[in-house]
């Protein structure tokens, strides 16, 4: 893993997931959130160690935490009995970090899981923290603010679907991955549109509006980069390298979208609970 990718993954492990879990109102994730630093710290250390037994064992601690979080998805479904679009997005957010955890264990052990090379496994880890967890969660939150809009339902469904199609594309071919990227991009742009139109102007303070505006604007650029990379992989036309994608798409989504969006939603929720 490169230094930049490691730093992005650490942001996901140590900051983005705990922030997001504060916005998931059910008892199971709340308990896991309190324990999350103890689970995430070993995974963060594993990123910087040489591949081998120690790094694998530390990564396995983090993977166990992501699996425990994923198990709350069926428990939540059994409790709510709801498959509303916003709820599907939240269930996706709970489940997808486990994909990152599994990829991390495989990569730190040097095992080419399902035949994927170690570089792809390394990049799978941040993808399922940010596209899998953060994007799905924010899509669900935006959908709840815009319950009467088709765009809200579309965002809450297409972000999880696009994420799963991208994962399926890993096993099928580059064209399948491109299809997933198209669906995911459409969903993320719907999130950006609703954030800009419905959420940003809803009587919030300047800091919250700025965070929401940045998160929406960044998605336009970063998802264009994702499309260009997926199209290039499928067709062979020139496209950004993985290193360039990590420095632009990856860093932009991590800082500009996920962190800004979750901080904004924390501020929105704090305002609502103290009003």
Foldseek 3Di string as FASTA:
>chain_A
DDPLLLVLLLCLQPPLLLLLLVVDPDPQSVVLSVVSVVQSVLQSVLVPDAQADSSLVSLVSNLVSLVSQLVVLVVVCVVPVDPQLLNLLQNQLSNQLNLLSVLSNCLSNLHCPVVNHSVVSSVSNSCCSQLRHQQSNLLSVLCVLVVPDPLSSLLSNQSSVLSVQLVVCVVPHLVSNLVSLVSNLSSLLSSLVSLLPRVLPPPDDPLLNVLSNQQSVLSVVLSVLVNQVSVCRVPVDDHDDPVVNCVRNVVSSSPRHSVSSSVSVVRVVVVVVVD
